[in-house]
N, C-alpha and C. Protein backbone atom coordinates (compact mmCIF):
# COMPACT_ATOMS: atom_id res chain seq x y z
N MET A 1 51.05 -0.78 -75.98
CA MET A 1 51.52 -0.13 -74.84
C MET A 1 52.50 0.62 -75.56
N ALA A 2 53.80 0.09 -75.33
CA ALA A 2 55.01 0.83 -75.78
C ALA A 2 56.10 0.09 -76.54
N ARG A 3 56.85 0.44 -77.24
CA ARG A 3 57.93 -0.17 -78.03
C ARG A 3 59.15 0.08 -77.35
N ILE A 4 59.59 -1.20 -76.80
CA ILE A 4 61.04 -0.99 -76.07
C ILE A 4 62.15 -1.77 -76.69
N LEU A 5 63.10 -1.04 -76.88
CA LEU A 5 64.42 -1.39 -77.29
C LEU A 5 65.10 -2.07 -75.93
N VAL A 6 65.31 -3.33 -75.89
CA VAL A 6 66.14 -4.02 -74.83
C VAL A 6 67.61 -4.35 -75.41
N VAL A 7 68.41 -3.53 -74.78
CA VAL A 7 69.91 -3.78 -75.10
C VAL A 7 70.67 -4.21 -74.12
N GLU A 8 70.91 -5.49 -74.32
CA GLU A 8 71.65 -6.80 -73.25
C GLU A 8 72.39 -7.55 -74.04
N ASP A 9 73.59 -7.59 -73.62
CA ASP A 9 74.39 -8.56 -74.17
C ASP A 9 74.52 -10.12 -73.77
N ASP A 10 73.90 -10.39 -72.74
CA ASP A 10 73.61 -11.59 -72.21
C ASP A 10 72.06 -12.20 -72.77
N ASN A 11 72.37 -13.28 -73.79
CA ASN A 11 71.04 -13.76 -74.34
C ASN A 11 70.04 -14.10 -73.53
N ASP A 12 70.33 -14.84 -72.37
CA ASP A 12 69.38 -15.34 -71.40
C ASP A 12 68.66 -14.06 -70.87
N THR A 13 69.48 -13.28 -70.18
CA THR A 13 68.66 -11.97 -69.70
C THR A 13 67.93 -11.21 -70.74
N ARG A 14 68.42 -11.16 -71.95
CA ARG A 14 67.57 -10.38 -73.05
C ARG A 14 66.29 -11.20 -73.29
N THR A 15 66.30 -12.50 -73.39
CA THR A 15 65.22 -13.20 -73.76
C THR A 15 64.16 -13.16 -72.64
N VAL A 16 64.72 -13.25 -71.17
CA VAL A 16 63.87 -12.94 -70.06
C VAL A 16 63.05 -11.68 -70.19
N LEU A 17 63.98 -10.65 -70.01
CA LEU A 17 63.35 -9.34 -70.16
C LEU A 17 62.46 -9.18 -71.33
N GLY A 18 62.74 -9.64 -72.48
CA GLY A 18 61.82 -9.51 -73.62
C GLY A 18 60.50 -10.35 -73.31
N ARG A 19 60.59 -11.43 -73.04
CA ARG A 19 59.33 -12.39 -72.63
C ARG A 19 58.52 -11.43 -71.50
N PHE A 20 59.15 -10.83 -70.42
CA PHE A 20 58.52 -10.35 -69.44
C PHE A 20 57.77 -9.00 -70.03
N LEU A 21 58.33 -8.26 -70.66
CA LEU A 21 57.77 -7.02 -71.11
C LEU A 21 56.50 -7.26 -72.36
N SER A 22 57.04 -8.44 -73.21
CA SER A 22 55.92 -8.81 -73.95
C SER A 22 54.72 -9.21 -73.37
N ALA A 23 54.75 -10.03 -72.36
CA ALA A 23 53.74 -10.34 -71.53
C ALA A 23 52.97 -9.45 -70.90
N ALA A 24 53.48 -8.21 -70.74
CA ALA A 24 52.91 -6.95 -69.98
C ALA A 24 52.34 -6.22 -71.07
N GLY A 25 52.34 -6.55 -72.34
CA GLY A 25 51.69 -6.13 -73.49
C GLY A 25 52.57 -4.97 -74.35
N HIS A 26 53.93 -4.98 -74.01
CA HIS A 26 54.79 -4.15 -74.76
C HIS A 26 55.22 -4.88 -76.07
N GLU A 27 55.75 -4.07 -77.05
CA GLU A 27 56.29 -4.59 -78.20
C GLU A 27 58.04 -4.43 -77.81
N VAL A 28 58.64 -5.45 -77.79
CA VAL A 28 59.93 -5.55 -77.68
C VAL A 28 60.73 -5.63 -78.83
N VAL A 29 62.01 -4.84 -78.91
CA VAL A 29 62.98 -4.87 -80.05
C VAL A 29 64.18 -5.32 -79.46
N PRO A 30 64.63 -6.50 -79.56
CA PRO A 30 66.15 -6.87 -78.75
C PRO A 30 67.23 -6.13 -79.64
N ALA A 31 68.46 -6.10 -78.82
CA ALA A 31 69.67 -5.53 -79.36
C ALA A 31 70.68 -6.34 -78.38
N ALA A 32 71.73 -7.03 -79.17
CA ALA A 32 72.61 -7.68 -78.16
C ALA A 32 73.77 -6.91 -77.94
N ASN A 33 74.02 -5.58 -78.49
CA ASN A 33 74.77 -4.42 -78.11
C ASN A 33 74.55 -3.17 -78.55
N GLY A 34 75.48 -2.27 -78.29
CA GLY A 34 75.18 -0.93 -78.51
C GLY A 34 75.14 -0.58 -80.10
N TRP A 35 75.89 -1.41 -80.94
CA TRP A 35 75.96 -1.11 -82.23
C TRP A 35 74.67 -1.59 -82.75
N GLU A 36 74.17 -2.76 -82.54
CA GLU A 36 72.81 -3.18 -83.04
C GLU A 36 71.75 -2.11 -82.53
N ALA A 37 71.95 -1.59 -81.33
CA ALA A 37 70.88 -0.69 -81.01
C ALA A 37 70.85 0.55 -81.73
N LEU A 38 72.18 0.94 -82.13
CA LEU A 38 71.97 2.42 -82.88
C LEU A 38 71.25 2.00 -84.11
N LEU A 39 71.78 0.78 -84.85
CA LEU A 39 70.92 0.42 -86.16
C LEU A 39 69.39 0.34 -86.04
N VAL A 40 69.03 -0.25 -84.98
CA VAL A 40 67.51 -0.29 -84.73
C VAL A 40 66.94 1.12 -84.68
N LEU A 41 67.69 1.97 -83.72
CA LEU A 41 66.98 3.35 -83.73
C LEU A 41 66.98 4.27 -85.01
N ASP A 42 67.88 3.97 -85.95
CA ASP A 42 67.81 4.43 -87.19
C ASP A 42 66.74 4.07 -88.16
N SER A 43 66.08 2.67 -87.91
CA SER A 43 65.00 2.25 -88.74
C SER A 43 63.72 1.98 -88.16
N THR A 44 63.62 2.10 -86.70
CA THR A 44 62.45 1.83 -86.09
C THR A 44 62.12 2.90 -85.07
N SER A 45 60.80 3.30 -84.94
CA SER A 45 60.43 4.12 -83.85
C SER A 45 60.42 3.57 -82.43
N ILE A 46 61.01 3.92 -81.59
CA ILE A 46 61.15 3.30 -80.13
C ILE A 46 60.76 4.35 -79.14
N ASP A 47 59.86 3.74 -78.03
CA ASP A 47 59.25 4.80 -77.09
C ASP A 47 60.32 4.71 -75.56
N LEU A 48 61.01 3.66 -75.71
CA LEU A 48 61.81 3.60 -74.26
C LEU A 48 63.02 2.59 -74.67
N VAL A 49 64.21 2.91 -74.11
CA VAL A 49 65.33 2.13 -74.31
C VAL A 49 65.61 1.40 -72.83
N LEU A 50 65.92 0.21 -72.81
CA LEU A 50 66.35 -0.51 -71.40
C LEU A 50 67.63 -0.98 -71.82
N LEU A 51 68.48 -0.47 -71.16
CA LEU A 51 69.98 -0.51 -71.48
C LEU A 51 70.90 -0.95 -70.38
N ASP A 52 71.69 -2.17 -70.85
CA ASP A 52 72.63 -2.82 -69.83
C ASP A 52 73.79 -1.76 -69.86
N VAL A 53 74.33 -1.53 -68.75
CA VAL A 53 75.77 -0.59 -68.67
C VAL A 53 76.91 -1.35 -69.22
N MET A 54 76.89 -2.61 -68.60
CA MET A 54 78.40 -3.27 -69.09
C MET A 54 78.16 -4.39 -70.23
N MET A 55 78.69 -3.82 -71.51
CA MET A 55 78.69 -4.71 -72.56
C MET A 55 79.83 -4.67 -73.28
N PRO A 56 80.21 -5.61 -74.07
CA PRO A 56 81.42 -5.60 -74.78
C PRO A 56 81.41 -5.03 -75.97
N GLY A 57 82.38 -4.35 -76.53
CA GLY A 57 82.26 -3.66 -77.80
C GLY A 57 81.76 -2.10 -77.56
N MET A 58 80.53 -1.84 -77.39
CA MET A 58 80.04 -0.77 -77.14
C MET A 58 79.24 -0.77 -75.73
N ASP A 59 79.80 -0.23 -74.56
CA ASP A 59 79.31 -0.41 -73.44
C ASP A 59 77.89 0.79 -73.26
N GLY A 60 77.21 0.68 -72.33
CA GLY A 60 76.13 1.49 -72.17
C GLY A 60 76.24 2.89 -72.22
N VAL A 61 77.37 3.33 -71.57
CA VAL A 61 77.88 4.67 -71.49
C VAL A 61 78.19 5.27 -72.55
N THR A 62 78.90 4.36 -73.62
CA THR A 62 79.52 4.89 -74.90
C THR A 62 77.86 5.23 -75.54
N PHE A 63 77.07 3.98 -75.57
CA PHE A 63 75.82 4.23 -76.24
C PHE A 63 75.10 5.46 -75.94
N LEU A 64 75.13 5.77 -74.57
CA LEU A 64 74.37 7.02 -74.15
C LEU A 64 74.99 8.35 -74.80
N GLN A 65 76.22 8.20 -74.67
CA GLN A 65 76.96 9.42 -75.20
C GLN A 65 76.44 9.73 -76.74
N ILE A 66 76.48 8.59 -77.51
CA ILE A 66 76.17 8.61 -79.03
C ILE A 66 74.64 9.05 -78.89
N LEU A 67 73.71 8.46 -78.31
CA LEU A 67 72.27 8.65 -78.25
C LEU A 67 71.99 10.17 -78.06
N ARG A 68 72.70 10.58 -76.96
CA ARG A 68 72.38 12.08 -76.41
C ARG A 68 72.87 13.07 -77.41
N GLN A 69 73.96 12.77 -78.45
CA GLN A 69 74.34 13.58 -79.28
C GLN A 69 73.58 13.84 -80.47
N ALA A 70 72.47 12.95 -80.61
CA ALA A 70 71.79 12.84 -81.77
C ALA A 70 70.32 13.62 -81.48
N LYS A 71 70.21 14.64 -82.17
CA LYS A 71 69.02 15.42 -81.92
C LYS A 71 67.89 14.74 -81.86
N LYS A 72 67.74 13.76 -82.72
CA LYS A 72 66.36 13.13 -82.77
C LYS A 72 66.22 12.21 -81.53
N HIS A 73 67.36 11.84 -80.88
CA HIS A 73 67.11 10.82 -79.64
C HIS A 73 67.69 11.52 -78.30
N ARG A 74 67.85 12.89 -78.13
CA ARG A 74 68.44 13.30 -77.32
C ARG A 74 67.20 13.46 -75.90
N GLU A 75 66.04 13.24 -76.17
CA GLU A 75 64.95 13.24 -74.94
C GLU A 75 64.41 11.57 -74.88
N MET A 76 65.12 10.72 -75.67
CA MET A 76 64.81 9.50 -75.54
C MET A 76 64.72 8.80 -73.99
N PRO A 77 63.65 8.30 -73.42
CA PRO A 77 63.73 7.78 -72.20
C PRO A 77 64.64 6.43 -72.25
N VAL A 78 65.51 6.22 -71.23
CA VAL A 78 66.63 5.50 -71.27
C VAL A 78 66.38 4.94 -69.64
N VAL A 79 66.37 3.81 -69.45
CA VAL A 79 66.51 2.88 -68.06
C VAL A 79 67.37 2.12 -68.20
N LEU A 80 68.54 2.35 -67.27
CA LEU A 80 69.77 1.44 -67.22
C LEU A 80 69.34 0.26 -66.40
N ILE A 81 69.98 -0.83 -66.92
CA ILE A 81 69.94 -1.94 -65.88
C ILE A 81 71.54 -2.41 -65.64
N THR A 82 71.68 -2.96 -64.45
CA THR A 82 73.26 -2.92 -64.27
C THR A 82 73.55 -4.01 -63.08
N ALA A 83 74.58 -4.59 -63.26
CA ALA A 83 75.11 -5.37 -62.10
C ALA A 83 76.02 -4.85 -61.29
N LEU A 84 76.27 -3.55 -61.78
CA LEU A 84 77.28 -2.62 -60.87
C LEU A 84 76.47 -2.03 -59.77
N ASP A 85 77.10 -1.65 -58.83
CA ASP A 85 76.44 -0.96 -57.69
C ASP A 85 75.82 0.19 -58.29
N VAL A 86 74.48 0.68 -57.80
CA VAL A 86 73.81 1.83 -58.54
C VAL A 86 74.52 3.08 -58.40
N ASP A 87 75.37 3.20 -57.36
CA ASP A 87 76.14 4.40 -57.21
C ASP A 87 77.22 4.54 -58.31
N ASP A 88 77.84 3.48 -58.49
CA ASP A 88 79.12 3.36 -59.38
C ASP A 88 78.23 3.85 -60.77
N ALA A 89 77.10 3.02 -60.97
CA ALA A 89 76.30 3.30 -62.45
C ALA A 89 76.11 4.84 -62.66
N GLN A 90 75.64 5.39 -61.42
CA GLN A 90 75.26 6.82 -61.42
C GLN A 90 76.58 7.68 -61.80
N ARG A 91 77.59 7.49 -61.15
CA ARG A 91 78.94 8.03 -61.45
C ARG A 91 79.41 8.00 -63.02
N ARG A 92 79.21 6.82 -63.69
CA ARG A 92 79.80 6.50 -64.88
C ARG A 92 78.80 7.32 -65.89
N THR A 93 77.61 7.44 -65.52
CA THR A 93 76.64 7.97 -66.46
C THR A 93 76.15 9.24 -66.16
N GLN A 94 76.70 9.99 -65.04
CA GLN A 94 76.26 11.39 -64.57
C GLN A 94 76.06 12.39 -65.72
N ALA A 95 76.88 12.33 -66.70
CA ALA A 95 76.92 13.35 -67.83
C ALA A 95 75.76 13.05 -68.75
N PHE A 96 75.13 11.94 -68.66
CA PHE A 96 73.88 11.66 -69.70
C PHE A 96 72.60 11.44 -68.79
N GLU A 97 71.58 12.25 -69.32
CA GLU A 97 70.29 11.74 -68.61
C GLU A 97 69.70 10.62 -68.82
N VAL A 98 69.45 9.95 -67.74
CA VAL A 98 68.64 8.59 -67.46
C VAL A 98 67.66 8.66 -66.85
N TRP A 99 66.48 7.96 -67.24
CA TRP A 99 65.37 8.03 -66.36
C TRP A 99 65.34 7.23 -65.08
N GLN A 100 66.01 6.20 -65.03
CA GLN A 100 66.15 5.33 -63.87
C GLN A 100 67.27 4.35 -64.00
N ILE A 101 67.81 3.88 -62.68
CA ILE A 101 68.94 2.92 -62.90
C ILE A 101 68.23 1.91 -62.24
N LEU A 102 68.31 0.80 -62.69
CA LEU A 102 67.68 -0.62 -61.88
C LEU A 102 68.85 -1.61 -61.63
N PRO A 103 69.10 -1.89 -60.49
CA PRO A 103 69.97 -2.99 -60.30
C PRO A 103 69.63 -4.40 -60.68
N LYS A 104 70.41 -5.17 -61.15
CA LYS A 104 70.09 -6.63 -61.61
C LYS A 104 70.03 -7.43 -60.33
N THR A 105 69.13 -7.49 -59.89
CA THR A 105 68.82 -8.19 -58.41
C THR A 105 67.46 -9.00 -58.64
N GLU A 106 67.09 -9.62 -57.58
CA GLU A 106 65.88 -10.49 -57.52
C GLU A 106 64.67 -9.60 -57.61
N ARG A 107 64.81 -8.43 -57.46
CA ARG A 107 63.60 -7.50 -57.64
C ARG A 107 63.70 -6.79 -59.10
N LEU A 108 64.53 -7.03 -59.94
CA LEU A 108 64.54 -6.44 -61.30
C LEU A 108 63.17 -6.32 -61.97
N LEU A 109 62.64 -7.39 -62.11
CA LEU A 109 61.39 -7.56 -63.06
C LEU A 109 60.12 -6.69 -62.00
N ASP A 110 60.09 -6.80 -60.94
CA ASP A 110 59.17 -5.91 -60.14
C ASP A 110 59.41 -4.38 -60.43
N ASP A 111 60.87 -4.04 -60.03
CA ASP A 111 61.12 -2.76 -60.33
C ASP A 111 60.79 -2.25 -61.89
N LEU A 112 61.14 -3.09 -62.51
CA LEU A 112 61.02 -2.78 -64.12
C LEU A 112 59.53 -2.43 -64.49
N THR A 113 58.60 -3.37 -63.99
CA THR A 113 57.24 -3.13 -64.16
C THR A 113 56.77 -1.84 -63.86
N LYS A 114 57.06 -1.38 -62.48
CA LYS A 114 56.68 -0.14 -61.73
C LYS A 114 57.33 0.99 -62.79
N THR A 115 58.53 0.97 -63.02
CA THR A 115 59.26 1.98 -64.00
C THR A 115 58.72 2.09 -65.25
N VAL A 116 58.58 0.96 -65.93
CA VAL A 116 58.12 1.23 -67.28
C VAL A 116 56.61 1.64 -67.43
N GLN A 117 55.67 1.20 -66.34
CA GLN A 117 54.42 1.78 -66.08
C GLN A 117 54.47 3.26 -65.87
N GLN A 118 55.21 3.62 -65.09
CA GLN A 118 55.32 5.06 -64.74
C GLN A 118 55.84 6.05 -66.09
N ILE A 119 56.73 5.40 -66.70
CA ILE A 119 57.21 6.27 -67.84
C ILE A 119 56.30 6.25 -69.00
N VAL A 120 55.54 5.30 -69.35
CA VAL A 120 54.68 5.14 -70.33
C VAL A 120 53.42 5.96 -69.97
N GLU A 121 52.88 6.04 -68.74
CA GLU A 121 51.62 6.81 -68.49
C GLU A 121 52.13 8.33 -68.42
N GLY A 122 53.43 8.44 -68.00
CA GLY A 122 54.01 9.87 -67.82
C GLY A 122 54.24 10.58 -69.31
N ILE A 123 54.85 9.58 -70.17
CA ILE A 123 54.90 10.20 -71.73
C ILE A 123 53.59 10.38 -72.22
N ARG A 124 52.45 9.51 -71.97
CA ARG A 124 51.33 9.95 -72.71
C ARG A 124 50.68 10.90 -72.30
N SER A 125 50.61 11.37 -70.95
CA SER A 125 50.22 12.49 -70.28
C SER A 125 50.85 13.78 -70.48
N GLY A 126 52.19 13.64 -71.05
CA GLY A 126 52.86 14.77 -71.40
C GLY A 126 53.60 15.26 -70.09
N GLU A 127 53.52 14.63 -68.99
CA GLU A 127 53.95 15.15 -67.72
C GLU A 127 55.32 14.68 -67.37
N MET A 128 55.69 13.43 -68.00
CA MET A 128 56.98 12.94 -67.57
C MET A 128 58.05 13.61 -67.55
N GLN A 129 59.07 13.73 -66.70
CA GLN A 129 60.27 14.40 -66.94
C GLN A 129 61.31 13.31 -66.56
N ALA A 130 62.52 13.42 -67.09
CA ALA A 130 63.50 12.64 -66.85
C ALA A 130 63.73 12.14 -65.26
N GLY A 131 63.86 11.10 -64.95
CA GLY A 131 64.41 10.87 -63.24
C GLY A 131 63.19 10.91 -62.63
N GLU A 132 61.85 11.03 -62.93
CA GLU A 132 60.69 11.26 -62.13
C GLU A 132 60.06 9.99 -61.82
N THR A 133 60.72 8.79 -61.95
CA THR A 133 60.00 7.47 -61.64
C THR A 133 59.90 7.03 -60.27
N GLY A 134 60.46 7.87 -59.34
CA GLY A 134 60.15 7.52 -57.91
C GLY A 134 61.40 6.88 -57.41
């Protein structure tokens, strides 16, 4: 299906997300922080980034800024996951294009299933535009 870079500093959350996405047929590439994620992007073809907003060292906003400055990754689909209020996350990332912001709630895995499926199908059909995941 898709190769998904999961950027999450919490090991347990990263593991759960990785297992969940793998069980859905996706290839998961884990990264514990923004620095690791940038190294992955330099060496591996990625279809979608699942990005935590709040991380030590390099937070998700800084990662997005660097990602969007790189011509090669300017259009990379990014889904934010956050413990922040969604409005707060939107304010922090408004300068950078993201496809969706998902709160870390009990619905995260359900929301993630729908979002990833829509993005993967949209990319394959060539019809997906940023922010169109409903």
